[in-house]
């Protein structure tokens, strides 16, 4: 598992990639990139020889208002990984 971020400088500290990495480090061949930019551009997921690359868009204005973005990041990551209450890997 790799966790990366592409974010605006003013909210960079709110996007805690280490937190997500610690929770999902047991998952192999997956990289998650959290995007939180003012332009709201979309980037599609892709699969290559290194595995599945998941791009998770976080809404800039919402993250800017949040004191802690980790619950939002966790919810989005679980959703994209297909981890629901019924089939959670945790």
PDB file of N, CA and C in Angstrom:
ATOM      1  N   UNK A   1       0.850  -1.182   0.000  1.00  0.00           N
ATOM      2  CA  UNK A   1       0.000   0.000   0.000  1.00  0.00           C
ATOM      3  C   UNK A   1       0.888   1.235   0.000  1.00  0.00           C
ATOM      4  N   UNK A   2       0.537   2.141  -0.860  1.00  0.00           N
ATOM      5  CA  UNK A   2       1.149   3.469  -0.872  1.00  0.00           C
ATOM      6  C   UNK A   2       0.024   4.477  -0.753  1.00  0.00           C
ATOM      7  N   UNK A   3       0.296   5.576  -0.042  1.00  0.00           N
ATOM      8  CA  UNK A   3      -0.701   6.635   0.100  1.00  0.00           C
ATOM      9  C   UNK A   3      -0.004   7.963  -0.183  1.00  0.00           C
ATOM     10  N   UNK A   4      -0.533   8.686  -1.148  1.00  0.00           N
ATOM     11  CA  UNK A   4       0.048   9.950  -1.603  1.00  0.00           C
ATOM     12  C   UNK A   4      -0.986  11.050  -1.535  1.00  0.00           C
ATOM     13  N   UNK A   5      -0.543  12.289  -1.721  1.00  0.00           N
ATOM     14  CA  UNK A   5      -1.489  13.401  -1.768  1.00  0.00           C
ATOM     15  C   UNK A   5      -1.043  14.440  -2.783  1.00  0.00           C
ATOM     16  N   UNK A   6      -2.035  15.036  -3.433  1.00  0.00           N
ATOM     17  CA  UNK A   6      -1.863  16.179  -4.311  1.00  0.00           C
ATOM     18  C   UNK A   6      -2.849  17.203  -3.787  1.00  0.00           C
ATOM     19  N   UNK A   7      -2.336  18.215  -3.079  1.00  0.00           N
ATOM     20  CA  UNK A   7      -3.220  19.129  -2.346  1.00  0.00           C
ATOM     21  C   UNK A   7      -2.702  20.562  -2.416  1.00  0.00           C
ATOM     22  N   UNK A   8      -3.579  21.481  -2.069  1.00  0.00           N
ATOM     23  CA  UNK A   8      -3.186  22.878  -1.937  1.00  0.00           C
ATOM     24  C   UNK A   8      -2.336  23.021  -0.678  1.00  0.00           C
ATOM     25  N   UNK A   9      -1.368  23.905  -0.730  1.00  0.00           N
ATOM     26  CA  UNK A   9      -0.428  24.065   0.382  1.00  0.00           C
ATOM     27  C   UNK A   9      -1.116  24.437   1.695  1.00  0.00           C
ATOM     28  N   UNK A  10      -2.175  25.242   1.629  1.00  0.00           N
ATOM     29  CA  UNK A  10      -2.812  25.714   2.861  1.00  0.00           C
ATOM     30  C   UNK A  10      -3.575  24.632   3.631  1.00  0.00           C
ATOM     31  N   UNK A  11      -3.849  23.497   3.011  1.00  0.00           N
ATOM     32  CA  UNK A  11      -4.539  22.403   3.716  1.00  0.00           C
ATOM     33  C   UNK A  11      -3.705  21.133   3.754  1.00  0.00           C
ATOM     34  N   UNK A  12      -2.466  21.203   3.344  1.00  0.00           N
ATOM     35  CA  UNK A  12      -1.606  20.018   3.252  1.00  0.00           C
ATOM     36  C   UNK A  12      -1.491  19.268   4.568  1.00  0.00           C
ATOM     37  N   UNK A  13      -1.399  19.973   5.673  1.00  0.00           N
ATOM     38  CA  UNK A  13      -1.260  19.319   6.976  1.00  0.00           C
ATOM     39  C   UNK A  13      -2.518  18.555   7.394  1.00  0.00           C
ATOM     40  N   UNK A  14      -3.659  18.889   6.831  1.00  0.00           N
ATOM     41  CA  UNK A  14      -4.913  18.207   7.178  1.00  0.00           C
ATOM     42  C   UNK A  14      -5.046  16.847   6.499  1.00  0.00           C
ATOM     43  N   UNK A  15      -4.326  16.627   5.423  1.00  0.00           N
ATOM     44  CA  UNK A  15      -4.412  15.374   4.676  1.00  0.00           C
ATOM     45  C   UNK A  15      -3.324  14.441   5.208  1.00  0.00           C
ATOM     46  N   UNK A  16      -3.712  13.610   6.164  1.00  0.00           N
ATOM     47  CA  UNK A  16      -2.788  12.754   6.904  1.00  0.00           C
ATOM     48  C   UNK A  16      -2.655  11.391   6.208  1.00  0.00           C
ATOM     49  N   UNK A  17      -1.721  11.313   5.290  1.00  0.00           N
ATOM     50  CA  UNK A  17      -1.531  10.073   4.541  1.00  0.00           C
ATOM     51  C   UNK A  17      -0.986   8.948   5.422  1.00  0.00           C
ATOM     52  N   UNK A  18      -0.203   9.295   6.426  1.00  0.00           N
ATOM     53  CA  UNK A  18       0.358   8.282   7.324  1.00  0.00           C
ATOM     54  C   UNK A  18      -0.758   7.544   8.077  1.00  0.00           C
ATOM     55  N   UNK A  19      -1.781   8.266   8.484  1.00  0.00           N
ATOM     56  CA  UNK A  19      -2.931   7.676   9.177  1.00  0.00           C
ATOM     57  C   UNK A  19      -3.584   6.583   8.322  1.00  0.00           C
ATOM     58  N   UNK A  20      -3.835   6.887   7.065  1.00  0.00           N
ATOM     59  CA  UNK A  20      -4.458   5.916   6.158  1.00  0.00           C
ATOM     60  C   UNK A  20      -3.500   4.757   5.890  1.00  0.00           C
ATOM     61  N   UNK A  21      -2.227   5.048   5.691  1.00  0.00           N
ATOM     62  CA  UNK A  21      -1.236   3.997   5.460  1.00  0.00           C
ATOM     63  C   UNK A  21      -1.198   3.012   6.623  1.00  0.00           C
ATOM     64  N   UNK A  22      -1.209   3.506   7.833  1.00  0.00           N
ATOM     65  CA  UNK A  22      -1.162   2.629   9.006  1.00  0.00           C
ATOM     66  C   UNK A  22      -2.380   1.697   9.073  1.00  0.00           C
ATOM     67  N   UNK A  23      -3.531   2.186   8.678  1.00  0.00           N
ATOM     68  CA  UNK A  23      -4.748   1.374   8.730  1.00  0.00           C
ATOM     69  C   UNK A  23      -4.813   0.314   7.631  1.00  0.00           C
ATOM     70  N   UNK A  24      -4.215   0.600   6.483  1.00  0.00           N
ATOM     71  CA  UNK A  24      -4.368  -0.280   5.322  1.00  0.00           C
ATOM     72  C   UNK A  24      -3.048  -0.833   4.784  1.00  0.00           C
ATOM     73  N   UNK A  25      -1.986  -0.778   5.564  1.00  0.00           N
ATOM     74  CA  UNK A  25      -0.671  -1.213   5.065  1.00  0.00           C
ATOM     75  C   UNK A  25      -0.651  -2.680   4.665  1.00  0.00           C
ATOM     76  N   UNK A  26      -1.594  -3.476   5.168  1.00  0.00           N
ATOM     77  CA  UNK A  26      -1.652  -4.906   4.848  1.00  0.00           C
ATOM     78  C   UNK A  26      -2.186  -5.184   3.438  1.00  0.00           C
ATOM     79  N   UNK A  27      -2.723  -4.182   2.783  1.00  0.00           N
ATOM     80  CA  UNK A  27      -3.253  -4.361   1.432  1.00  0.00           C
ATOM     81  C   UNK A  27      -2.123  -4.133   0.430  1.00  0.00           C
ATOM     82  N   UNK A  28      -1.894  -5.113  -0.412  1.00  0.00           N
ATOM     83  CA  UNK A  28      -0.803  -5.034  -1.379  1.00  0.00           C
ATOM     84  C   UNK A  28      -1.295  -4.601  -2.760  1.00  0.00           C
ATOM     85  N   UNK A  29      -0.382  -4.076  -3.540  1.00  0.00           N
ATOM     86  CA  UNK A  29      -0.636  -3.707  -4.941  1.00  0.00           C
ATOM     87  C   UNK A  29      -1.729  -2.662  -5.105  1.00  0.00           C
ATOM     88  N   UNK A  30      -1.817  -1.748  -4.129  1.00  0.00           N
ATOM     89  CA  UNK A  30      -2.776  -0.651  -4.208  1.00  0.00           C
ATOM     90  C   UNK A  30      -2.071   0.634  -3.800  1.00  0.00           C
ATOM     91  N   UNK A  31      -2.334   1.695  -4.533  1.00  0.00           N
ATOM     92  CA  UNK A  31      -1.859   3.035  -4.167  1.00  0.00           C
ATOM     93  C   UNK A  31      -3.075   3.952  -4.150  1.00  0.00           C
ATOM     94  N   UNK A  32      -3.175   4.748  -3.107  1.00  0.00           N
ATOM     95  CA  UNK A  32      -4.258   5.726  -3.000  1.00  0.00           C
ATOM     96  C   UNK A  32      -3.643   7.115  -3.076  1.00  0.00           C
ATOM     97  N   UNK A  33      -4.192   7.950  -3.940  1.00  0.00           N
ATOM     98  CA  UNK A  33      -3.786   9.349  -4.010  1.00  0.00           C
ATOM     99  C   UNK A  33      -4.990  10.204  -3.647  1.00  0.00           C
ATOM    100  N   UNK A  34      -4.841  10.985  -2.576  1.00  0.00           N
ATOM    101  CA  UNK A  34      -5.878  11.935  -2.179  1.00  0.00           C
ATOM    102  C   UNK A  34      -5.610  13.244  -2.896  1.00  0.00           C
ATOM    103  N   UNK A  35      -6.621  13.736  -3.620  1.00  0.00           N
ATOM    104  CA  UNK A  35      -6.526  15.014  -4.319  1.00  0.00           C
ATOM    105  C   UNK A  35      -7.457  16.008  -3.637  1.00  0.00           C
ATOM    106  N   UNK A  36      -6.918  17.166  -3.305  1.00  0.00           N
ATOM    107  CA  UNK A  36      -7.723  18.224  -2.700  1.00  0.00           C
ATOM    108  C   UNK A  36      -7.169  19.551  -3.196  1.00  0.00           C
ATOM    109  N   UNK A  37      -7.695  19.980  -4.337  1.00  0.00           N
ATOM    110  CA  UNK A  37      -7.229  21.195  -4.979  1.00  0.00           C
ATOM    111  C   UNK A  37      -8.408  22.111  -5.272  1.00  0.00           C
ATOM    112  N   UNK A  38      -8.116  23.370  -5.403  1.00  0.00           N
ATOM    113  CA  UNK A  38      -9.168  24.363  -5.655  1.00  0.00           C
ATOM    114  C   UNK A  38      -9.840  24.168  -7.005  1.00  0.00           C
ATOM    115  N   UNK A  39      -9.122  23.639  -7.978  1.00  0.00           N
ATOM    116  CA  UNK A  39      -9.677  23.518  -9.325  1.00  0.00           C
ATOM    117  C   UNK A  39     -10.625  22.334  -9.493  1.00  0.00           C
ATOM    118  N   UNK A  40     -10.676  21.443  -8.497  1.00  0.00           N
ATOM    119  CA  UNK A  40     -11.617  20.312  -8.511  1.00  0.00           C
ATOM    120  C   UNK A  40     -11.485  19.422  -9.745  1.00  0.00           C
ATOM    121  N   UNK A  41     -10.306  19.399 -10.353  1.00  0.00           N
ATOM    122  CA  UNK A  41     -10.125  18.547 -11.537  1.00  0.00           C
ATOM    123  C   UNK A  41     -10.264  17.071 -11.145  1.00  0.00           C
ATOM    124  N   UNK A  42     -10.720  16.303 -12.075  1.00  0.00           N
ATOM    125  CA  UNK A  42     -10.922  14.873 -11.855  1.00  0.00           C
ATOM    126  C   UNK A  42      -9.803  14.083 -12.529  1.00  0.00           C
ATOM    127  N   UNK A  43      -9.363  13.046 -11.861  1.00  0.00           N
ATOM    128  CA  UNK A  43      -8.380  12.122 -12.413  1.00  0.00           C
ATOM    129  C   UNK A  43      -8.943  10.724 -12.216  1.00  0.00           C
ATOM    130  N   UNK A  44      -8.885   9.927 -13.250  1.00  0.00           N
ATOM    131  CA  UNK A  44      -9.425   8.570 -13.204  1.00  0.00           C
ATOM    132  C   UNK A  44      -8.451   7.610 -12.524  1.00  0.00           C
ATOM    133  N   UNK A  45      -8.994   6.569 -11.907  1.00  0.00           N
ATOM    134  CA  UNK A  45      -8.177   5.474 -11.384  1.00  0.00           C
ATOM    135  C   UNK A  45      -7.520   4.764 -12.569  1.00  0.00           C
ATOM    136  N   UNK A  46      -6.469   4.001 -12.293  1.00  0.00           N
ATOM    137  CA  UNK A  46      -5.858   3.191 -13.342  1.00  0.00           C
ATOM    138  C   UNK A  46      -5.217   1.955 -12.732  1.00  0.00           C
ATOM    139  N   UNK A  47      -4.971   0.992 -13.595  1.00  0.00           N
ATOM    140  CA  UNK A  47      -4.284  -0.235 -13.210  1.00  0.00           C
ATOM    141  C   UNK A  47      -3.087  -0.393 -14.130  1.00  0.00           C
ATOM    142  N   UNK A  48      -1.939  -0.714 -13.529  1.00  0.00           N
ATOM    143  CA  UNK A  48      -0.748  -0.982 -14.316  1.00  0.00           C
ATOM    144  C   UNK A  48       0.009  -2.142 -13.677  1.00  0.00           C
ATOM    145  N   UNK A  49       1.251  -2.358 -14.098  1.00  0.00           N
ATOM    146  CA  UNK A  49       2.028  -3.490 -13.587  1.00  0.00           C
ATOM    147  C   UNK A  49       2.305  -3.390 -12.083  1.00  0.00           C
ATOM    148  N   UNK A  50       2.169  -2.214 -11.514  1.00  0.00           N
ATOM    149  CA  UNK A  50       2.395  -2.034 -10.069  1.00  0.00           C
ATOM    150  C   UNK A  50       1.130  -2.242  -9.250  1.00  0.00           C
ATOM    151  N   UNK A  51      -0.017  -2.302  -9.915  1.00  0.00           N
ATOM    152  CA  UNK A  51      -1.267  -2.546  -9.201  1.00  0.00           C
ATOM    153  C   UNK A  51      -2.339  -1.514  -9.500  1.00  0.00           C
ATOM    154  N   UNK A  52      -3.266  -1.390  -8.558  1.00  0.00           N
ATOM    155  CA  UNK A  52      -4.446  -0.529  -8.686  1.00  0.00           C
ATOM    156  C   UNK A  52      -4.126   0.825  -8.074  1.00  0.00           C
ATOM    157  N   UNK A  53      -4.302   1.894  -8.844  1.00  0.00           N
ATOM    158  CA  UNK A  53      -4.067   3.261  -8.393  1.00  0.00           C
ATOM    159  C   UNK A  53      -5.430   3.933  -8.234  1.00  0.00           C
ATOM    160  N   UNK A  54      -5.786   4.227  -6.992  1.00  0.00           N
ATOM    161  CA  UNK A  54      -7.081   4.821  -6.676  1.00  0.00           C
ATOM    162  C   UNK A  54      -6.881   6.310  -6.422  1.00  0.00           C
ATOM    163  N   UNK A  55      -7.662   7.133  -7.104  1.00  0.00           N
ATOM    164  CA  UNK A  55      -7.610   8.577  -6.898  1.00  0.00           C
ATOM    165  C   UNK A  55      -8.892   8.976  -6.164  1.00  0.00           C
ATOM    166  N   UNK A  56      -8.707   9.578  -4.992  1.00  0.00           N
ATOM    167  CA  UNK A  56      -9.845   9.997  -4.172  1.00  0.00           C
ATOM    168  C   UNK A  56      -9.859  11.521  -4.108  1.00  0.00           C
ATOM    169  N   UNK A  57     -10.906  12.086  -4.651  1.00  0.00           N
ATOM    170  CA  UNK A  57     -11.092  13.542  -4.655  1.00  0.00           C
ATOM    171  C   UNK A  57     -11.750  13.948  -3.335  1.00  0.00           C
ATOM    172  N   UNK A  58     -11.127  14.878  -2.613  1.00  0.00           N
ATOM    173  CA  UNK A  58     -11.717  15.453  -1.404  1.00  0.00           C
ATOM    174  C   UNK A  58     -12.104  16.897  -1.716  1.00  0.00           C
ATOM    175  N   UNK A  59     -13.292  17.324  -1.311  1.00  0.00           N
ATOM    176  CA  UNK A  59     -13.728  18.688  -1.626  1.00  0.00           C
ATOM    177  C   UNK A  59     -12.914  19.729  -0.840  1.00  0.00           C
ATOM    178  N   UNK A  60     -12.246  20.598  -1.560  1.00  0.00           N
ATOM    179  CA  UNK A  60     -11.343  21.584  -0.952  1.00  0.00           C
ATOM    180  C   UNK A  60     -12.040  22.433   0.112  1.00  0.00           C
ATOM    181  N   UNK A  61     -13.187  23.011  -0.215  1.00  0.00           N
ATOM    182  CA  UNK A  61     -13.863  23.911   0.729  1.00  0.00           C
ATOM    183  C   UNK A  61     -14.259  23.177   2.011  1.00  0.00           C
ATOM    184  N   UNK A  62     -14.699  21.937   1.876  1.00  0.00           N
ATOM    185  CA  UNK A  62     -15.080  21.160   3.047  1.00  0.00           C
ATOM    186  C   UNK A  62     -13.862  20.842   3.914  1.00  0.00           C
ATOM    187  N   UNK A  63     -12.784  20.397   3.292  1.00  0.00           N
ATOM    188  CA  UNK A  63     -11.562  20.067   4.038  1.00  0.00           C
ATOM    189  C   UNK A  63     -11.024  21.313   4.737  1.00  0.00           C
ATOM    190  N   UNK A  64     -11.079  22.446   4.073  1.00  0.00           N
ATOM    191  CA  UNK A  64     -10.589  23.696   4.666  1.00  0.00           C
ATOM    192  C   UNK A  64     -11.351  24.025   5.944  1.00  0.00           C
ATOM    193  N   UNK A  65     -12.652  23.728   5.986  1.00  0.00           N
ATOM    194  CA  UNK A  65     -13.471  24.009   7.177  1.00  0.00           C
ATOM    195  C   UNK A  65     -13.294  22.990   8.290  1.00  0.00           C
ATOM    196  N   UNK A  66     -12.910  21.767   7.933  1.00  0.00           N
ATOM    197  CA  UNK A  66     -12.795  20.701   8.924  1.00  0.00           C
ATOM    198  C   UNK A  66     -11.596  20.894   9.847  1.00  0.00           C
ATOM    199  N   UNK A  67     -11.790  20.593  11.114  1.00  0.00           N
ATOM    200  CA  UNK A  67     -10.673  20.594  12.065  1.00  0.00           C
ATOM    201  C   UNK A  67      -9.822  19.340  11.856  1.00  0.00           C
ATOM    202  N   UNK A  68     -10.469  18.234  11.465  1.00  0.00           N
ATOM    203  CA  UNK A  68      -9.786  16.954  11.272  1.00  0.00           C
ATOM    204  C   UNK A  68     -10.383  16.270  10.049  1.00  0.00           C
ATOM    205  N   UNK A  69      -9.593  16.117   9.008  1.00  0.00           N
ATOM    206  CA  UNK A  69     -10.072  15.511   7.760  1.00  0.00           C
ATOM    207  C   UNK A  69      -9.937  13.998   7.754  1.00  0.00           C
ATOM    208  N   UNK A  70      -9.313  13.419   8.770  1.00  0.00           N
ATOM    209  CA  UNK A  70      -9.077  11.969   8.765  1.00  0.00           C
ATOM    210  C   UNK A  70     -10.354  11.133   8.689  1.00  0.00           C
ATOM    211  N   UNK A  71     -11.432  11.471   9.407  1.00  0.00           N
ATOM    212  CA  UNK A  71     -12.652  10.659   9.257  1.00  0.00           C
ATOM    213  C   UNK A  71     -13.193  10.665   7.822  1.00  0.00           C
ATOM    214  N   UNK A  72     -13.128  11.789   7.155  1.00  0.00           N
ATOM    215  CA  UNK A  72     -13.564  11.882   5.761  1.00  0.00           C
ATOM    216  C   UNK A  72     -12.655  11.035   4.870  1.00  0.00           C
ATOM    217  N   UNK A  73     -11.354  11.133   5.087  1.00  0.00           N
ATOM    218  CA  UNK A  73     -10.399  10.344   4.309  1.00  0.00           C
ATOM    219  C   UNK A  73     -10.638   8.853   4.513  1.00  0.00           C
ATOM    220  N   UNK A  74     -10.846   8.444   5.756  1.00  0.00           N
ATOM    221  CA  UNK A  74     -11.075   7.033   6.061  1.00  0.00           C
ATOM    222  C   UNK A  74     -12.352   6.524   5.407  1.00  0.00           C
ATOM    223  N   UNK A  75     -13.417   7.291   5.506  1.00  0.00           N
ATOM    224  CA  UNK A  75     -14.690   6.884   4.899  1.00  0.00           C
ATOM    225  C   UNK A  75     -14.549   6.726   3.389  1.00  0.00           C
ATOM    226  N   UNK A  76     -13.891   7.682   2.748  1.00  0.00           N
ATOM    227  CA  UNK A  76     -13.715   7.610   1.291  1.00  0.00           C
ATOM    228  C   UNK A  76     -12.820   6.437   0.899  1.00  0.00           C
ATOM    229  N   UNK A  77     -11.754   6.202   1.673  1.00  0.00           N
ATOM    230  CA  UNK A  77     -10.849   5.087   1.363  1.00  0.00           C
ATOM    231  C   UNK A  77     -11.576   3.754   1.511  1.00  0.00           C
ATOM    232  N   UNK A  78     -12.327   3.587   2.593  1.00  0.00           N
ATOM    233  CA  UNK A  78     -13.072   2.338   2.791  1.00  0.00           C
ATOM    234  C   UNK A  78     -14.072   2.118   1.654  1.00  0.00           C
ATOM    235  N   UNK A  79     -14.755   3.184   1.279  1.00  0.00           N
ATOM    236  CA  UNK A  79     -15.741   3.094   0.186  1.00  0.00           C
ATOM    237  C   UNK A  79     -15.074   2.647  -1.107  1.00  0.00           C
ATOM    238  N   UNK A  80     -13.957   3.269  -1.449  1.00  0.00           N
ATOM    239  CA  UNK A  80     -13.273   2.958  -2.709  1.00  0.00           C
ATOM    240  C   UNK A  80     -12.631   1.578  -2.695  1.00  0.00           C
ATOM    241  N   UNK A  81     -12.205   1.126  -1.515  1.00  0.00           N
ATOM    242  CA  UNK A  81     -11.604  -0.208  -1.395  1.00  0.00           C
ATOM    243  C   UNK A  81     -12.668  -1.294  -1.278  1.00  0.00           C
ATOM    244  N   UNK A  82     -13.930  -0.897  -1.184  1.00  0.00           N
ATOM    245  CA  UNK A  82     -15.009  -1.867  -1.061  1.00  0.00           C
ATOM    246  C   UNK A  82     -15.130  -2.434   0.342  1.00  0.00           C
ATOM    247  N   UNK A  83     -14.668  -1.700   1.335  1.00  0.00           N
ATOM    248  CA  UNK A  83     -14.723  -2.166   2.716  1.00  0.00           C
ATOM    249  C   UNK A  83     -15.947  -1.567   3.400  1.00  0.00           C
ATOM    250  N   UNK A  84     -16.945  -2.396   3.555  1.00  0.00           N
ATOM    251  CA  UNK A  84     -18.154  -1.975   4.250  1.00  0.00           C
ATOM    252  C   UNK A  84     -18.210  -2.720   5.574  1.00  0.00           C
ATOM    253  N   UNK A  85     -19.224  -2.451   6.345  1.00  0.00           N
ATOM    254  CA  UNK A  85     -19.373  -3.149   7.635  1.00  0.00           C
ATOM    255  C   UNK A  85     -19.456  -4.646   7.453  1.00  0.00           C
ATOM    256  N   UNK A  86     -20.024  -5.091   6.337  1.00  0.00           N
ATOM    257  CA  UNK A  86     -20.203  -6.519   6.098  1.00  0.00           C
ATOM    258  C   UNK A  86     -18.926  -7.228   5.683  1.00  0.00           C
ATOM    259  N   UNK A  87     -18.041  -6.528   4.945  1.00  0.00           N
ATOM    260  CA  UNK A  87     -16.867  -7.218   4.428  1.00  0.00           C
ATOM    261  C   UNK A  87     -15.561  -6.513   4.767  1.00  0.00           C
ATOM    262  N   UNK A  88     -15.503  -5.855   5.899  1.00  0.00           N
ATOM    263  CA  UNK A  88     -14.312  -5.122   6.317  1.00  0.00           C
ATOM    264  C   UNK A  88     -13.123  -6.062   6.537  1.00  0.00           C
ATOM    265  N   UNK A  89     -11.941  -5.586   6.146  1.00  0.00           N
ATOM    266  CA  UNK A  89     -10.716  -6.353   6.382  1.00  0.00           C
ATOM    267  C   UNK A  89     -10.183  -6.136   7.783  1.00  0.00           C
ATOM    268  N   UNK A  90     -10.734  -5.170   8.509  1.00  0.00           N
ATOM    269  CA  UNK A  90     -10.243  -4.883   9.867  1.00  0.00           C
ATOM    270  C   UNK A  90     -10.872  -5.781  10.885  1.00  0.00           C
TER     271      UNK A  90
END
